[in-house]
Amino acid sequence: MDPIDQWLEAGNRVLIAPGWNNSGEAHWQSRWQARYPQFERINQIDWQHPQASAWVRQFEQKIAERDVPTVIVAHSLACATLAHWSALYGQDRCVQGALLVAPADVMRPEAPDNFRGFAPLPYIPLRFLSWVVGSNNDHSCTEERASQLASTWQSKLTILPDARHINVESGHGDWPEGLQFLRRLIALTLNINESID
């Protein structure tokens, strides 16, 4: 059985966490939700003017709705939000794993002003299994910085060649490769004979 189906049939959750400006219908996060209607989205009150404290509160409210094993699929600024959430609440919640795609480097000099409130990031490991998927030419996060974040978070790291920000503009629509990352992450949380090495 597909590990994603197995995860969902057991009553577990997959939460989609978009970044700045949300993920439109053509974005792989939204397409995954269309393919798997059981996936839920962490919505933000203000997608255009992100505030770290408000975004973290929205994470906490959504995650706390149900005390069941949960995997989060975060993109861009949602990765920074997840790091803050984990530092504050992660040890007391049911999150088992996270796929962190194209994390936004909120500390880079050219970061949007709205990102400043997310800096500095907490320099502690995430409290659950995690996998960072970055790119060697992402304008939002260099390969070196993605590697630093993965090391800090104690995450598995995969760097994709020429994938840019892994979004619609970079040609990632359905992004089937990403679903394979998610399947492998979930398989590991289910103790299926699988590895993310």
C-alpha atoms as a PDB file:
ATOM      1  CA  MET A   1       0.000   0.000   0.000  1.00  0.00           C
ATOM      2  CA  ASP A   2       1.085   3.556  -0.708  1.00  0.00           C
ATOM      3  CA  PRO A   3       2.559   4.872   2.583  1.00  0.00           C
ATOM      4  CA  ILE A   4       0.520   8.066   2.210  1.00  0.00           C
ATOM      5  CA  ASP A   5      -2.722   6.077   1.924  1.00  0.00           C
ATOM      6  CA  GLN A   6      -1.651   3.885   4.818  1.00  0.00           C
ATOM      7  CA  TRP A   7      -0.924   6.948   6.941  1.00  0.00           C
ATOM      8  CA  LEU A   8      -4.286   8.539   6.177  1.00  0.00           C
ATOM      9  CA  GLU A   9      -6.310   5.336   6.576  1.00  0.00           C
ATOM     10  CA  ALA A  10      -4.864   4.982  10.075  1.00  0.00           C
ATOM     11  CA  GLY A  11      -6.515   8.315  10.938  1.00  0.00           C
ATOM     12  CA  ASN A  12      -3.293  10.298  10.853  1.00  0.00           C
ATOM     13  CA  ARG A  13      -2.892  13.776   9.400  1.00  0.00           C
ATOM     14  CA  VAL A  14      -0.920  15.513   6.678  1.00  0.00           C
ATOM     15  CA  LEU A  15      -0.882  19.290   7.037  1.00  0.00           C
ATOM     16  CA  ILE A  16       0.054  21.528   4.112  1.00  0.00           C
ATOM     17  CA  ALA A  17       1.819  24.726   5.220  1.00  0.00           C
ATOM     18  CA  PRO A  18       2.242  27.301   2.419  1.00  0.00           C
ATOM     19  CA  GLY A  19       4.643  30.194   2.564  1.00  0.00           C
ATOM     20  CA  TRP A  20       4.341  33.879   1.803  1.00  0.00           C
ATOM     21  CA  ASN A  21       1.294  34.730  -0.363  1.00  0.00           C
ATOM     22  CA  ASN A  22      -0.133  31.219   0.029  1.00  0.00           C
ATOM     23  CA  SER A  23       0.042  28.526  -2.668  1.00  0.00           C
ATOM     24  CA  GLY A  24      -2.285  28.967  -5.631  1.00  0.00           C
ATOM     25  CA  GLU A  25      -4.171  26.250  -7.476  1.00  0.00           C
ATOM     26  CA  ALA A  26      -1.215  25.488  -9.781  1.00  0.00           C
ATOM     27  CA  HIS A  27       1.258  25.073  -6.899  1.00  0.00           C
ATOM     28  CA  TRP A  28       2.247  21.512  -6.036  1.00  0.00           C
ATOM     29  CA  GLN A  29       0.975  21.941  -2.477  1.00  0.00           C
ATOM     30  CA  SER A  30      -2.531  22.695  -3.766  1.00  0.00           C
ATOM     31  CA  ARG A  31      -2.340  19.931  -6.351  1.00  0.00           C
ATOM     32  CA  TRP A  32      -1.377  17.454  -3.647  1.00  0.00           C
ATOM     33  CA  GLN A  33      -4.418  18.563  -1.645  1.00  0.00           C
ATOM     34  CA  ALA A  34      -6.611  18.011  -4.692  1.00  0.00           C
ATOM     35  CA  ARG A  35      -5.160  14.521  -5.102  1.00  0.00           C
ATOM     36  CA  TYR A  36      -5.471  13.708  -1.392  1.00  0.00           C
ATOM     37  CA  PRO A  37      -8.590  15.494  -0.089  1.00  0.00           C
ATOM     38  CA  GLN A  38      -7.771  14.352   3.455  1.00  0.00           C
ATOM     39  CA  PHE A  39      -4.747  16.668   3.487  1.00  0.00           C
ATOM     40  CA  GLU A  40      -5.475  19.802   5.533  1.00  0.00           C
ATOM     41  CA  ARG A  41      -4.045  23.290   5.123  1.00  0.00           C
ATOM     42  CA  ILE A  42      -2.623  25.569   7.772  1.00  0.00           C
ATOM     43  CA  ASN A  43      -4.190  28.875   6.792  1.00  0.00           C
ATOM     44  CA  GLN A  44      -2.849  32.256   7.788  1.00  0.00           C
ATOM     45  CA  ILE A  45      -4.939  35.328   8.580  1.00  0.00           C
ATOM     46  CA  ASP A  46      -2.699  37.571   6.480  1.00  0.00           C
ATOM     47  CA  TRP A  47      -0.732  35.877   3.715  1.00  0.00           C
ATOM     48  CA  GLN A  48       0.720  39.101   2.281  1.00  0.00           C
ATOM     49  CA  HIS A  49       2.016  40.674   5.503  1.00  0.00           C
ATOM     50  CA  PRO A  50       3.388  37.799   7.578  1.00  0.00           C
ATOM     51  CA  GLN A  51       4.062  38.308  11.274  1.00  0.00           C
ATOM     52  CA  ALA A  52       5.992  35.560  12.997  1.00  0.00           C
ATOM     53  CA  SER A  53       3.936  35.466  16.184  1.00  0.00           C
ATOM     54  CA  ALA A  54       0.632  35.331  14.282  1.00  0.00           C
ATOM     55  CA  TRP A  55       1.869  32.666  11.872  1.00  0.00           C
ATOM     56  CA  VAL A  56       3.174  30.507  14.726  1.00  0.00           C
ATOM     57  CA  ARG A  57      -0.174  30.861  16.537  1.00  0.00           C
ATOM     58  CA  GLN A  58      -1.987  29.637  13.432  1.00  0.00           C
ATOM     59  CA  PHE A  59       0.344  26.616  13.298  1.00  0.00           C
ATOM     60  CA  GLU A  60      -0.335  25.835  16.935  1.00  0.00           C
ATOM     61  CA  GLN A  61      -4.107  26.220  16.607  1.00  0.00           C
ATOM     62  CA  LYS A  62      -4.302  23.927  13.600  1.00  0.00           C
ATOM     63  CA  ILE A  63      -1.942  21.283  14.967  1.00  0.00           C
ATOM     64  CA  ALA A  64      -3.697  21.254  18.347  1.00  0.00           C
ATOM     65  CA  GLU A  65      -7.102  20.550  16.771  1.00  0.00           C
ATOM     66  CA  ARG A  66      -6.485  16.800  16.759  1.00  0.00           C
ATOM     67  CA  ASP A  67      -4.080  14.785  18.869  1.00  0.00           C
ATOM     68  CA  VAL A  68      -3.099  12.249  16.202  1.00  0.00           C
ATOM     69  CA  PRO A  69       0.233  11.553  14.485  1.00  0.00           C
ATOM     70  CA  THR A  70       0.886  14.391  12.048  1.00  0.00           C
ATOM     71  CA  VAL A  71       3.259  15.114   9.182  1.00  0.00           C
ATOM     72  CA  ILE A  72       3.710  18.686   7.964  1.00  0.00           C
ATOM     73  CA  VAL A  73       4.636  19.674   4.408  1.00  0.00           C
ATOM     74  CA  ALA A  74       6.061  23.204   4.608  1.00  0.00           C
ATOM     75  CA  HIS A  75       7.236  25.476   1.804  1.00  0.00           C
ATOM     76  CA  SER A  76       9.411  28.591   1.955  1.00  0.00           C
ATOM     77  CA  LEU A  77       8.494  30.910   4.841  1.00  0.00           C
ATOM     78  CA  ALA A  78       6.435  28.141   6.445  1.00  0.00           C
ATOM     79  CA  CYS A  79       9.717  26.318   7.142  1.00  0.00           C
ATOM     80  CA  ALA A  80      10.902  29.202   9.322  1.00  0.00           C
ATOM     81  CA  THR A  81       7.490  29.291  10.989  1.00  0.00           C
ATOM     82  CA  LEU A  82       7.741  25.580  11.712  1.00  0.00           C
ATOM     83  CA  ALA A  83      11.164  26.044  13.323  1.00  0.00           C
ATOM     84  CA  HIS A  84       9.736  28.659  15.700  1.00  0.00           C
ATOM     85  CA  TRP A  85       6.672  26.512  16.408  1.00  0.00           C
ATOM     86  CA  SER A  86       8.846  23.484  17.172  1.00  0.00           C
ATOM     87  CA  ALA A  87      10.947  25.444  19.652  1.00  0.00           C
ATOM     88  CA  LEU A  88       7.843  26.630  21.500  1.00  0.00           C
ATOM     89  CA  TYR A  89       5.447  23.695  21.273  1.00  0.00           C
ATOM     90  CA  GLY A  90       7.060  20.757  19.501  1.00  0.00           C
ATOM     91  CA  GLN A  91       7.785  18.586  22.514  1.00  0.00           C
ATOM     92  CA  ASP A  92       4.133  18.578  23.593  1.00  0.00           C
ATOM     93  CA  ARG A  93       2.470  17.928  20.260  1.00  0.00           C
ATOM     94  CA  CYS A  94       1.840  14.997  17.949  1.00  0.00           C
ATOM     95  CA  VAL A  95       3.991  16.018  14.958  1.00  0.00           C
ATOM     96  CA  GLN A  96       5.977  12.999  13.811  1.00  0.00           C
ATOM     97  CA  GLY A  97       7.702  14.405  10.746  1.00  0.00           C
ATOM     98  CA  ALA A  98       8.125  17.373   8.428  1.00  0.00           C
ATOM     99  CA  LEU A  99       9.090  17.853   4.804  1.00  0.00           C
ATOM    100  CA  LEU A 100      10.664  21.312   4.564  1.00  0.00           C
ATOM    101  CA  VAL A 101      10.829  22.426   0.938  1.00  0.00           C
ATOM    102  CA  ALA A 102      12.823  25.429  -0.302  1.00  0.00           C
ATOM    103  CA  PRO A 103      13.167  27.054   3.121  1.00  0.00           C
ATOM    104  CA  ALA A 104      13.268  30.834   2.966  1.00  0.00           C
ATOM    105  CA  ASP A 105      16.428  32.276   4.490  1.00  0.00           C
ATOM    106  CA  VAL A 106      14.834  35.008   6.592  1.00  0.00           C
ATOM    107  CA  MET A 107      18.272  36.296   7.622  1.00  0.00           C
ATOM    108  CA  ARG A 108      19.633  37.010   4.142  1.00  0.00           C
ATOM    109  CA  PRO A 109      20.335  40.721   3.491  1.00  0.00           C
ATOM    110  CA  GLU A 110      17.848  40.963   0.605  1.00  0.00           C
ATOM    111  CA  ALA A 111      14.997  39.204   2.431  1.00  0.00           C
ATOM    112  CA  PRO A 112      11.652  41.043   2.245  1.00  0.00           C
ATOM    113  CA  ASP A 113      11.039  43.389   5.157  1.00  0.00           C
ATOM    114  CA  ASN A 114       8.089  41.229   6.227  1.00  0.00           C
ATOM    115  CA  PHE A 115      10.495  38.376   6.900  1.00  0.00           C
ATOM    116  CA  ARG A 116      12.554  40.295   9.481  1.00  0.00           C
ATOM    117  CA  GLY A 117      10.277  39.314  12.332  1.00  0.00           C
ATOM    118  CA  PHE A 118      11.105  35.642  11.750  1.00  0.00           C
ATOM    119  CA  ALA A 119      14.788  36.284  12.490  1.00  0.00           C
ATOM    120  CA  PRO A 120      16.755  35.048  14.215  1.00  0.00           C
ATOM    121  CA  LEU A 121      15.685  31.452  13.849  1.00  0.00           C
ATOM    122  CA  PRO A 122      15.955  29.239  16.927  1.00  0.00           C
ATOM    123  CA  TYR A 123      19.199  27.280  16.677  1.00  0.00           C
ATOM    124  CA  ILE A 124      17.917  24.032  18.110  1.00  0.00           C
ATOM    125  CA  PRO A 125      17.058  20.713  16.474  1.00  0.00           C
ATOM    126  CA  LEU A 126      13.511  20.079  15.387  1.00  0.00           C
ATOM    127  CA  ARG A 127      11.710  17.736  17.746  1.00  0.00           C
ATOM    128  CA  PHE A 128      10.662  15.258  15.035  1.00  0.00           C
ATOM    129  CA  LEU A 129      11.943  13.514  11.934  1.00  0.00           C
ATOM    130  CA  SER A 130      12.570  16.053   9.184  1.00  0.00           C
ATOM    131  CA  TRP A 131      13.838  16.360   5.650  1.00  0.00           C
ATOM    132  CA  VAL A 132      14.995  19.583   3.988  1.00  0.00           C
ATOM    133  CA  VAL A 133      14.733  19.724   0.193  1.00  0.00           C
ATOM    134  CA  GLY A 134      16.523  22.704  -1.298  1.00  0.00           C
ATOM    135  CA  SER A 135      18.092  23.791  -4.569  1.00  0.00           C
ATOM    136  CA  ASN A 136      21.506  24.913  -5.750  1.00  0.00           C
ATOM    137  CA  ASN A 137      20.054  28.047  -7.370  1.00  0.00           C
ATOM    138  CA  ASP A 138      17.225  29.191  -5.098  1.00  0.00           C
ATOM    139  CA  HIS A 139      17.135  32.989  -4.777  1.00  0.00           C
ATOM    140  CA  SER A 140      15.541  32.615  -1.331  1.00  0.00           C
ATOM    141  CA  CYS A 141      18.153  30.313   0.167  1.00  0.00           C
ATOM    142  CA  THR A 142      21.624  29.359  -0.993  1.00  0.00           C
ATOM    143  CA  GLU A 143      22.760  25.754  -1.018  1.00  0.00           C
ATOM    144  CA  GLU A 144      25.188  26.571   1.808  1.00  0.00           C
ATOM    145  CA  ARG A 145      22.452  28.117   3.931  1.00  0.00           C
ATOM    146  CA  ALA A 146      20.092  25.191   3.291  1.00  0.00           C
ATOM    147  CA  SER A 147      22.859  22.890   4.467  1.00  0.00           C
ATOM    148  CA  GLN A 148      23.341  24.990   7.617  1.00  0.00           C
ATOM    149  CA  LEU A 149      19.616  24.883   8.383  1.00  0.00           C
ATOM    150  CA  ALA A 150      19.447  21.129   7.858  1.00  0.00           C
ATOM    151  CA  SER A 151      22.413  20.673  10.169  1.00  0.00           C
ATOM    152  CA  THR A 152      20.871  22.885  12.854  1.00  0.00           C
ATOM    153  CA  TRP A 153      17.513  21.152  12.578  1.00  0.00           C
ATOM    154  CA  GLN A 154      19.175  17.702  12.392  1.00  0.00           C
ATOM    155  CA  SER A 155      17.306  17.092   9.161  1.00  0.00           C
ATOM    156  CA  LYS A 156      18.058  14.908   6.190  1.00  0.00           C
ATOM    157  CA  LEU A 157      19.167  17.183   3.304  1.00  0.00           C
ATOM    158  CA  THR A 158      18.580  16.827  -0.412  1.00  0.00           C
ATOM    159  CA  ILE A 159      19.757  19.519  -2.853  1.00  0.00           C
ATOM    160  CA  LEU A 160      18.039  19.419  -6.240  1.00  0.00           C
ATOM    161  CA  PRO A 161      19.934  20.749  -9.267  1.00  0.00           C
ATOM    162  CA  ASP A 162      18.566  23.901 -10.899  1.00  0.00           C
ATOM    163  CA  ALA A 163      15.196  23.617  -9.131  1.00  0.00           C
ATOM    164  CA  ARG A 164      15.160  27.266  -8.017  1.00  0.00           C
ATOM    165  CA  HIS A 165      12.398  27.920  -5.429  1.00  0.00           C
ATOM    166  CA  ILE A 166      10.535  24.660  -6.166  1.00  0.00           C
ATOM    167  CA  ASN A 167       7.300  26.412  -7.041  1.00  0.00           C
ATOM    168  CA  VAL A 168       5.100  27.139 -10.060  1.00  0.00           C
ATOM    169  CA  GLU A 169       7.584  29.621 -11.539  1.00  0.00           C
ATOM    170  CA  SER A 170      10.336  26.989 -11.469  1.00  0.00           C
ATOM    171  CA  GLY A 171       8.144  24.466 -13.290  1.00  0.00           C
ATOM    172  CA  HIS A 172       7.114  22.377 -10.289  1.00  0.00           C
ATOM    173  CA  GLY A 173       3.419  21.721 -10.812  1.00  0.00           C
ATOM    174  CA  ASP A 174       2.388  18.268  -9.658  1.00  0.00           C
ATOM    175  CA  TRP A 175       5.986  17.646  -8.512  1.00  0.00           C
ATOM    176  CA  PRO A 176       5.821  13.830  -8.346  1.00  0.00           C
ATOM    177  CA  GLU A 177       9.399  13.695  -7.048  1.00  0.00           C
ATOM    178  CA  GLY A 178       8.242  15.590  -3.975  1.00  0.00           C
ATOM    179  CA  LEU A 179       5.510  13.042  -3.342  1.00  0.00           C
ATOM    180  CA  GLN A 180       8.198  10.368  -3.335  1.00  0.00           C
ATOM    181  CA  PHE A 181      10.057  12.325  -0.643  1.00  0.00           C
ATOM    182  CA  LEU A 182       6.832  12.482   1.371  1.00  0.00           C
ATOM    183  CA  ARG A 183       6.195   8.752   0.914  1.00  0.00           C
ATOM    184  CA  ARG A 184       9.678   7.901   2.159  1.00  0.00           C
ATOM    185  CA  LEU A 185       9.355  10.225   5.140  1.00  0.00           C
ATOM    186  CA  ILE A 186       5.995   8.723   6.112  1.00  0.00           C
ATOM    187  CA  ALA A 187       7.304   5.190   5.620  1.00  0.00           C
ATOM    188  CA  LEU A 188      10.042   5.931   8.112  1.00  0.00           C
ATOM    189  CA  THR A 189       7.565   7.249  10.682  1.00  0.00           C
ATOM    190  CA  LEU A 190       5.523   4.069  10.191  1.00  0.00           C
ATOM    191  CA  ASN A 191       8.628   1.962  10.797  1.00  0.00           C
ATOM    192  CA  ILE A 192       8.366   0.480   7.332  1.00  0.00           C
ATOM    193  CA  ASN A 193      11.693  -0.891   6.077  1.00  0.00           C
ATOM    194  CA  GLU A 194      12.627   2.357   4.374  1.00  0.00           C
ATOM    195  CA  SER A 195      15.531   4.776   4.556  1.00  0.00           C
ATOM    196  CA  ILE A 196      15.961   8.437   3.740  1.00  0.00           C
ATOM    197  CA  ASP A 197      19.743   8.135   3.435  1.00  0.00           C
END
